Amino acid sequence: MNTVFLICAGIGVTLIVCQFLMSLLGFGADHHGLGDQTSLHDSSHGDHDAAHDNNWFIGLLTFKTVSTAITFFGLGGLSAQYYDLPTASIIITAILSGLSAFYVVAMLMRSLSKLKSAGNVNVDSSLGQPGTVYLRIPGFKEGAGKVTLNLQNRTVELEAITFGPELPTGSPITVREVMESGVVEVAARGT
């Protein structure tokens, strides 16, 4: 039994280390486990929620969770053997260790996946924001220039027009309106 636990712990640790090294080298960044599949049935035979409820366990199966479960199965069994527990207790400890690690890693991965962000800047949030003219803006809508603003904790450059007189580079501005095309209408700050 000791050999089985050593092999499981060795294989699991090897898989985890290989996965870590591959992620450092940039491999596997776009790969997803089975948990990223939305449905395992034809959508014409029921709704998506029913399939999700029936396949919740499949959603937890990923390379990370399985390799972690194998590792902790081996380590739990080895630990139980170290303390000279009866054979039934050793097996139960190994299984519970593996399942616990499996569940914890699955929940951590699910929590981390909720932290994803599209990273897009919402130009509509620029309304009323102060900024600076980056490239001269011709007056009275005769052409477009560029402004820089601080939106969503980043500096962005937007195409801008003005209905007033020309705004030279470096002029402080305020965004008055956001056009449908993403162009902003600005005015000199204080007007």
C-alpha atoms as a PDB file:
ATOM      1  CA  MET A   1       0.000   0.000   0.000  1.00  0.00           C
ATOM      2  CA  ASN A   2       2.943   2.300   0.757  1.00  0.00           C
ATOM      3  CA  THR A   3       4.105   1.991  -2.874  1.00  0.00           C
ATOM      4  CA  VAL A   4       0.678   3.019  -4.230  1.00  0.00           C
ATOM      5  CA  PHE A   5       0.640   6.144  -2.084  1.00  0.00           C
ATOM      6  CA  LEU A   6       4.221   7.038  -3.045  1.00  0.00           C
ATOM      7  CA  ILE A   7       3.454   6.614  -6.748  1.00  0.00           C
ATOM      8  CA  CYS A   8       0.289   8.757  -6.486  1.00  0.00           C
ATOM      9  CA  ALA A   9       2.108  11.493  -4.564  1.00  0.00           C
ATOM     10  CA  GLY A  10       5.034  11.396  -7.009  1.00  0.00           C
ATOM     11  CA  ILE A  11       2.857  11.527 -10.119  1.00  0.00           C
ATOM     12  CA  GLY A  12       0.664  14.292  -8.670  1.00  0.00           C
ATOM     13  CA  VAL A  13       3.591  16.465  -7.597  1.00  0.00           C
ATOM     14  CA  THR A  14       5.275  15.921 -10.967  1.00  0.00           C
ATOM     15  CA  LEU A  15       2.119  16.997 -12.817  1.00  0.00           C
ATOM     16  CA  ILE A  16       1.704  20.093 -10.640  1.00  0.00           C
ATOM     17  CA  VAL A  17       5.369  21.107 -11.064  1.00  0.00           C
ATOM     18  CA  CYS A  18       5.204  20.539 -14.843  1.00  0.00           C
ATOM     19  CA  GLN A  19       2.038  22.588 -15.099  1.00  0.00           C
ATOM     20  CA  PHE A  20       3.643  25.394 -13.070  1.00  0.00           C
ATOM     21  CA  LEU A  21       6.772  25.399 -15.231  1.00  0.00           C
ATOM     22  CA  MET A  22       4.712  25.346 -18.428  1.00  0.00           C
ATOM     23  CA  SER A  23       2.664  28.315 -17.226  1.00  0.00           C
ATOM     24  CA  LEU A  24       5.889  30.212 -16.504  1.00  0.00           C
ATOM     25  CA  LEU A  25       6.976  29.552 -20.079  1.00  0.00           C
ATOM     26  CA  GLY A  26       3.616  30.687 -21.454  1.00  0.00           C
ATOM     27  CA  PHE A  27       2.178  27.312 -22.427  1.00  0.00           C
ATOM     28  CA  GLY A  28      -1.460  26.543 -21.733  1.00  0.00           C
ATOM     29  CA  ALA A  29      -2.659  30.112 -21.281  1.00  0.00           C
ATOM     30  CA  ASP A  30      -5.706  29.574 -23.488  1.00  0.00           C
ATOM     31  CA  HIS A  31      -6.497  25.991 -22.518  1.00  0.00           C
ATOM     32  CA  HIS A  32      -9.490  25.218 -20.377  1.00  0.00           C
ATOM     33  CA  GLY A  33     -10.533  22.146 -18.478  1.00  0.00           C
ATOM     34  CA  LEU A  34     -13.724  20.210 -18.903  1.00  0.00           C
ATOM     35  CA  GLY A  35     -15.292  22.677 -16.487  1.00  0.00           C
ATOM     36  CA  ASP A  36     -15.446  25.332 -19.162  1.00  0.00           C
ATOM     37  CA  GLN A  37     -17.875  23.392 -21.346  1.00  0.00           C
ATOM     38  CA  THR A  38     -21.298  24.951 -21.168  1.00  0.00           C
ATOM     39  CA  SER A  39     -23.352  21.921 -22.047  1.00  0.00           C
ATOM     40  CA  LEU A  40     -22.928  18.246 -22.780  1.00  0.00           C
ATOM     41  CA  HIS A  41     -26.283  17.717 -24.481  1.00  0.00           C
ATOM     42  CA  ASP A  42     -28.187  18.863 -27.538  1.00  0.00           C
ATOM     43  CA  SER A  43     -29.889  22.159 -26.651  1.00  0.00           C
ATOM     44  CA  SER A  44     -33.123  21.001 -28.255  1.00  0.00           C
ATOM     45  CA  HIS A  45     -33.612  18.365 -25.513  1.00  0.00           C
ATOM     46  CA  GLY A  46     -34.102  20.610 -22.492  1.00  0.00           C
ATOM     47  CA  ASP A  47     -32.872  23.836 -21.084  1.00  0.00           C
ATOM     48  CA  HIS A  48     -29.337  24.767 -20.133  1.00  0.00           C
ATOM     49  CA  ASP A  49     -30.068  24.960 -16.400  1.00  0.00           C
ATOM     50  CA  ALA A  50     -31.121  21.325 -16.256  1.00  0.00           C
ATOM     51  CA  ALA A  51     -27.895  20.253 -17.971  1.00  0.00           C
ATOM     52  CA  HIS A  52     -25.874  22.414 -15.607  1.00  0.00           C
ATOM     53  CA  ASP A  53     -27.502  20.814 -12.560  1.00  0.00           C
ATOM     54  CA  ASN A  54     -26.961  17.284 -13.898  1.00  0.00           C
ATOM     55  CA  ASN A  55     -23.292  17.871 -14.818  1.00  0.00           C
ATOM     56  CA  TRP A  56     -22.036  19.923 -11.883  1.00  0.00           C
ATOM     57  CA  PHE A  57     -19.332  17.355 -11.135  1.00  0.00           C
ATOM     58  CA  ILE A  58     -18.075  17.438 -14.737  1.00  0.00           C
ATOM     59  CA  GLY A  59     -17.677  21.198 -14.275  1.00  0.00           C
ATOM     60  CA  LEU A  60     -15.180  20.542 -11.477  1.00  0.00           C
ATOM     61  CA  LEU A  61     -12.954  18.188 -13.484  1.00  0.00           C
ATOM     62  CA  THR A  62      -9.870  20.033 -14.622  1.00  0.00           C
ATOM     63  CA  PHE A  63      -6.216  19.094 -14.907  1.00  0.00           C
ATOM     64  CA  LYS A  64      -5.450  21.122 -11.784  1.00  0.00           C
ATOM     65  CA  THR A  65      -8.129  19.529  -9.614  1.00  0.00           C
ATOM     66  CA  VAL A  66      -7.352  15.968 -10.679  1.00  0.00           C
ATOM     67  CA  SER A  67      -3.579  16.325 -10.242  1.00  0.00           C
ATOM     68  CA  THR A  68      -4.115  17.942  -6.834  1.00  0.00           C
ATOM     69  CA  ALA A  69      -6.491  15.143  -5.774  1.00  0.00           C
ATOM     70  CA  ILE A  70      -3.957  12.481  -6.809  1.00  0.00           C
ATOM     71  CA  THR A  71      -1.207  14.285  -4.893  1.00  0.00           C
ATOM     72  CA  PHE A  72      -3.212  14.629  -1.697  1.00  0.00           C
ATOM     73  CA  PHE A  73      -4.539  11.069  -1.958  1.00  0.00           C
ATOM     74  CA  GLY A  74      -0.928   9.871  -1.862  1.00  0.00           C
ATOM     75  CA  LEU A  75       0.179  12.293   0.831  1.00  0.00           C
ATOM     76  CA  GLY A  76      -2.863  11.568   3.010  1.00  0.00           C
ATOM     77  CA  GLY A  77      -2.267   7.832   2.736  1.00  0.00           C
ATOM     78  CA  LEU A  78       1.418   8.210   3.559  1.00  0.00           C
ATOM     79  CA  SER A  79       0.595  10.396   6.572  1.00  0.00           C
ATOM     80  CA  ALA A  80      -1.953   7.897   7.880  1.00  0.00           C
ATOM     81  CA  GLN A  81       0.568   5.063   7.470  1.00  0.00           C
ATOM     82  CA  TYR A  82       3.178   7.070   9.364  1.00  0.00           C
ATOM     83  CA  TYR A  83       0.863   7.143  12.389  1.00  0.00           C
ATOM     84  CA  ASP A  84       0.251   3.355  12.138  1.00  0.00           C
ATOM     85  CA  LEU A  85      -3.511   3.661  11.648  1.00  0.00           C
ATOM     86  CA  PRO A  86      -5.542   0.566  10.739  1.00  0.00           C
ATOM     87  CA  THR A  87      -5.784  -0.230   7.002  1.00  0.00           C
ATOM     88  CA  ALA A  88      -9.411   0.945   6.715  1.00  0.00           C
ATOM     89  CA  SER A  89      -8.518   4.266   8.361  1.00  0.00           C
ATOM     90  CA  ILE A  90      -5.543   4.702   6.047  1.00  0.00           C
ATOM     91  CA  ILE A  91      -7.706   4.226   2.948  1.00  0.00           C
ATOM     92  CA  ILE A  92     -10.441   6.533   4.286  1.00  0.00           C
ATOM     93  CA  THR A  93      -7.865   9.201   5.188  1.00  0.00           C
ATOM     94  CA  ALA A  94      -6.308   8.986   1.713  1.00  0.00           C
ATOM     95  CA  ILE A  95      -9.679   9.250  -0.040  1.00  0.00           C
ATOM     96  CA  LEU A  96     -10.891  12.116   2.155  1.00  0.00           C
ATOM     97  CA  SER A  97      -7.589  13.972   1.653  1.00  0.00           C
ATOM     98  CA  GLY A  98      -7.850  13.622  -2.116  1.00  0.00           C
ATOM     99  CA  LEU A  99     -11.523  14.639  -2.252  1.00  0.00           C
ATOM    100  CA  SER A 100     -10.954  17.607   0.066  1.00  0.00           C
ATOM    101  CA  ALA A 101      -8.052  18.894  -2.025  1.00  0.00           C
ATOM    102  CA  PHE A 102     -10.088  18.322  -5.191  1.00  0.00           C
ATOM    103  CA  TYR A 103     -13.001  20.367  -3.840  1.00  0.00           C
ATOM    104  CA  VAL A 104     -10.855  23.208  -2.425  1.00  0.00           C
ATOM    105  CA  VAL A 105      -8.911  23.648  -5.681  1.00  0.00           C
ATOM    106  CA  ALA A 106     -12.124  23.469  -7.744  1.00  0.00           C
ATOM    107  CA  MET A 107     -13.736  26.204  -5.630  1.00  0.00           C
ATOM    108  CA  LEU A 108     -10.594  28.358  -5.793  1.00  0.00           C
ATOM    109  CA  MET A 109     -10.445  28.025  -9.592  1.00  0.00           C
ATOM    110  CA  ARG A 110     -14.142  28.853  -9.873  1.00  0.00           C
ATOM    111  CA  SER A 111     -13.622  31.943  -7.672  1.00  0.00           C
ATOM    112  CA  LEU A 112     -10.621  33.032  -9.733  1.00  0.00           C
ATOM    113  CA  SER A 113     -12.521  32.654 -12.990  1.00  0.00           C
ATOM    114  CA  LYS A 114     -15.090  35.170 -11.735  1.00  0.00           C
ATOM    115  CA  LEU A 115     -12.320  37.779 -11.491  1.00  0.00           C
ATOM    116  CA  LYS A 116     -11.935  37.969 -15.267  1.00  0.00           C
ATOM    117  CA  SER A 117     -12.411  41.354 -16.849  1.00  0.00           C
ATOM    118  CA  ALA A 118     -12.873  42.325 -20.469  1.00  0.00           C
ATOM    119  CA  GLY A 119     -10.450  45.216 -19.959  1.00  0.00           C
ATOM    120  CA  ASN A 120     -12.425  47.537 -22.201  1.00  0.00           C
ATOM    121  CA  VAL A 121     -12.659  51.198 -21.378  1.00  0.00           C
ATOM    122  CA  ASN A 122     -16.208  52.484 -21.105  1.00  0.00           C
ATOM    123  CA  VAL A 123     -16.046  55.734 -23.087  1.00  0.00           C
ATOM    124  CA  ASP A 124     -19.470  56.769 -21.729  1.00  0.00           C
ATOM    125  CA  SER A 125     -17.848  57.168 -18.300  1.00  0.00           C
ATOM    126  CA  SER A 126     -15.774  60.051 -19.709  1.00  0.00           C
ATOM    127  CA  LEU A 127     -18.777  62.421 -19.583  1.00  0.00           C
ATOM    128  CA  GLY A 128     -17.864  65.376 -17.349  1.00  0.00           C
ATOM    129  CA  GLN A 129     -14.281  64.196 -16.859  1.00  0.00           C
ATOM    130  CA  PRO A 130     -11.356  66.622 -17.028  1.00  0.00           C
ATOM    131  CA  GLY A 131      -8.528  66.029 -19.468  1.00  0.00           C
ATOM    132  CA  THR A 132      -5.838  67.645 -21.571  1.00  0.00           C
ATOM    133  CA  VAL A 133      -5.614  68.304 -25.307  1.00  0.00           C
ATOM    134  CA  TYR A 134      -2.993  65.977 -26.781  1.00  0.00           C
ATOM    135  CA  LEU A 135      -3.316  66.993 -30.455  1.00  0.00           C
ATOM    136  CA  ARG A 136      -4.763  70.409 -31.384  1.00  0.00           C
ATOM    137  CA  ILE A 137      -8.543  70.409 -31.832  1.00  0.00           C
ATOM    138  CA  PRO A 138      -9.733  72.708 -34.661  1.00  0.00           C
ATOM    139  CA  GLY A 139     -12.552  75.025 -33.615  1.00  0.00           C
ATOM    140  CA  PHE A 140     -16.239  74.935 -34.545  1.00  0.00           C
ATOM    141  CA  LYS A 141     -16.311  71.227 -35.570  1.00  0.00           C
ATOM    142  CA  GLU A 142     -13.902  71.802 -38.466  1.00  0.00           C
ATOM    143  CA  GLY A 143     -11.899  68.692 -37.583  1.00  0.00           C
ATOM    144  CA  ALA A 144     -10.895  66.359 -34.817  1.00  0.00           C
ATOM    145  CA  GLY A 145      -7.983  66.305 -32.446  1.00  0.00           C
ATOM    146  CA  LYS A 146      -7.043  64.106 -29.509  1.00  0.00           C
ATOM    147  CA  VAL A 147      -7.396  64.404 -25.751  1.00  0.00           C
ATOM    148  CA  THR A 148      -6.016  62.362 -22.877  1.00  0.00           C
ATOM    149  CA  LEU A 149      -8.177  61.473 -19.878  1.00  0.00           C
ATOM    150  CA  ASN A 150      -7.884  59.318 -16.799  1.00  0.00           C
ATOM    151  CA  LEU A 151     -10.678  56.719 -17.126  1.00  0.00           C
ATOM    152  CA  GLN A 152     -11.074  53.603 -15.006  1.00  0.00           C
ATOM    153  CA  ASN A 153      -7.616  54.085 -13.475  1.00  0.00           C
ATOM    154  CA  ARG A 154      -5.802  54.335 -16.797  1.00  0.00           C
ATOM    155  CA  THR A 155      -4.794  57.105 -19.154  1.00  0.00           C
ATOM    156  CA  VAL A 156      -6.686  56.912 -22.425  1.00  0.00           C
ATOM    157  CA  GLU A 157      -6.456  58.859 -25.656  1.00  0.00           C
ATOM    158  CA  LEU A 158      -9.726  59.746 -27.362  1.00  0.00           C
ATOM    159  CA  GLU A 159     -10.605  61.510 -30.589  1.00  0.00           C
ATOM    160  CA  ALA A 160     -12.277  64.827 -29.807  1.00  0.00           C
ATOM    161  CA  ILE A 161     -14.098  67.737 -31.426  1.00  0.00           C
ATOM    162  CA  THR A 162     -15.201  71.094 -30.062  1.00  0.00           C
ATOM    163  CA  PHE A 163     -18.078  73.432 -30.913  1.00  0.00           C
ATOM    164  CA  GLY A 164     -16.127  76.407 -29.550  1.00  0.00           C
ATOM    165  CA  PRO A 165     -12.865  78.031 -30.648  1.00  0.00           C
ATOM    166  CA  GLU A 166      -9.714  76.035 -31.383  1.00  0.00           C
ATOM    167  CA  LEU A 167      -8.102  74.249 -28.429  1.00  0.00           C
ATOM    168  CA  PRO A 168      -4.280  74.152 -28.616  1.00  0.00           C
ATOM    169  CA  THR A 169      -2.146  71.268 -27.338  1.00  0.00           C
ATOM    170  CA  GLY A 170      -1.916  71.243 -23.545  1.00  0.00           C
ATOM    171  CA  SER A 171      -5.238  73.040 -22.955  1.00  0.00           C
ATOM    172  CA  PRO A 172      -7.271  71.750 -20.000  1.00  0.00           C
ATOM    173  CA  ILE A 173     -10.676  70.465 -21.163  1.00  0.00           C
ATOM    174  CA  THR A 174     -13.879  68.874 -19.886  1.00  0.00           C
ATOM    175  CA  VAL A 175     -15.832  66.255 -21.807  1.00  0.00           C
ATOM    176  CA  ARG A 176     -19.322  67.600 -22.621  1.00  0.00           C
ATOM    177  CA  GLU A 177     -20.780  64.774 -24.732  1.00  0.00           C
ATOM    178  CA  VAL A 178     -19.940  61.307 -26.027  1.00  0.00           C
ATOM    179  CA  MET A 179     -20.915  60.750 -29.652  1.00  0.00           C
ATOM    180  CA  GLU A 180     -22.100  57.370 -30.965  1.00  0.00           C
ATOM    181  CA  SER A 181     -18.802  56.764 -32.763  1.00  0.00           C
ATOM    182  CA  GLY A 182     -16.787  57.106 -29.546  1.00  0.00           C
ATOM    183  CA  VAL A 183     -15.668  60.632 -30.392  1.00  0.00           C
ATOM    184  CA  VAL A 184     -16.044  63.068 -27.490  1.00  0.00           C
ATOM    185  CA  GLU A 185     -17.164  66.672 -27.666  1.00  0.00           C
ATOM    186  CA  VAL A 186     -15.057  68.816 -25.353  1.00  0.00           C
ATOM    187  CA  ALA A 187     -14.889  72.395 -24.153  1.00  0.00           C
ATOM    188  CA  ALA A 188     -12.162  74.405 -22.491  1.00  0.00           C
ATOM    189  CA  ARG A 189     -12.278  73.778 -18.757  1.00  0.00           C
ATOM    190  CA  GLY A 190     -14.113  76.511 -16.937  1.00  0.00           C
ATOM    191  CA  THR A 191     -16.462  77.429 -19.808  1.00  0.00           C
END
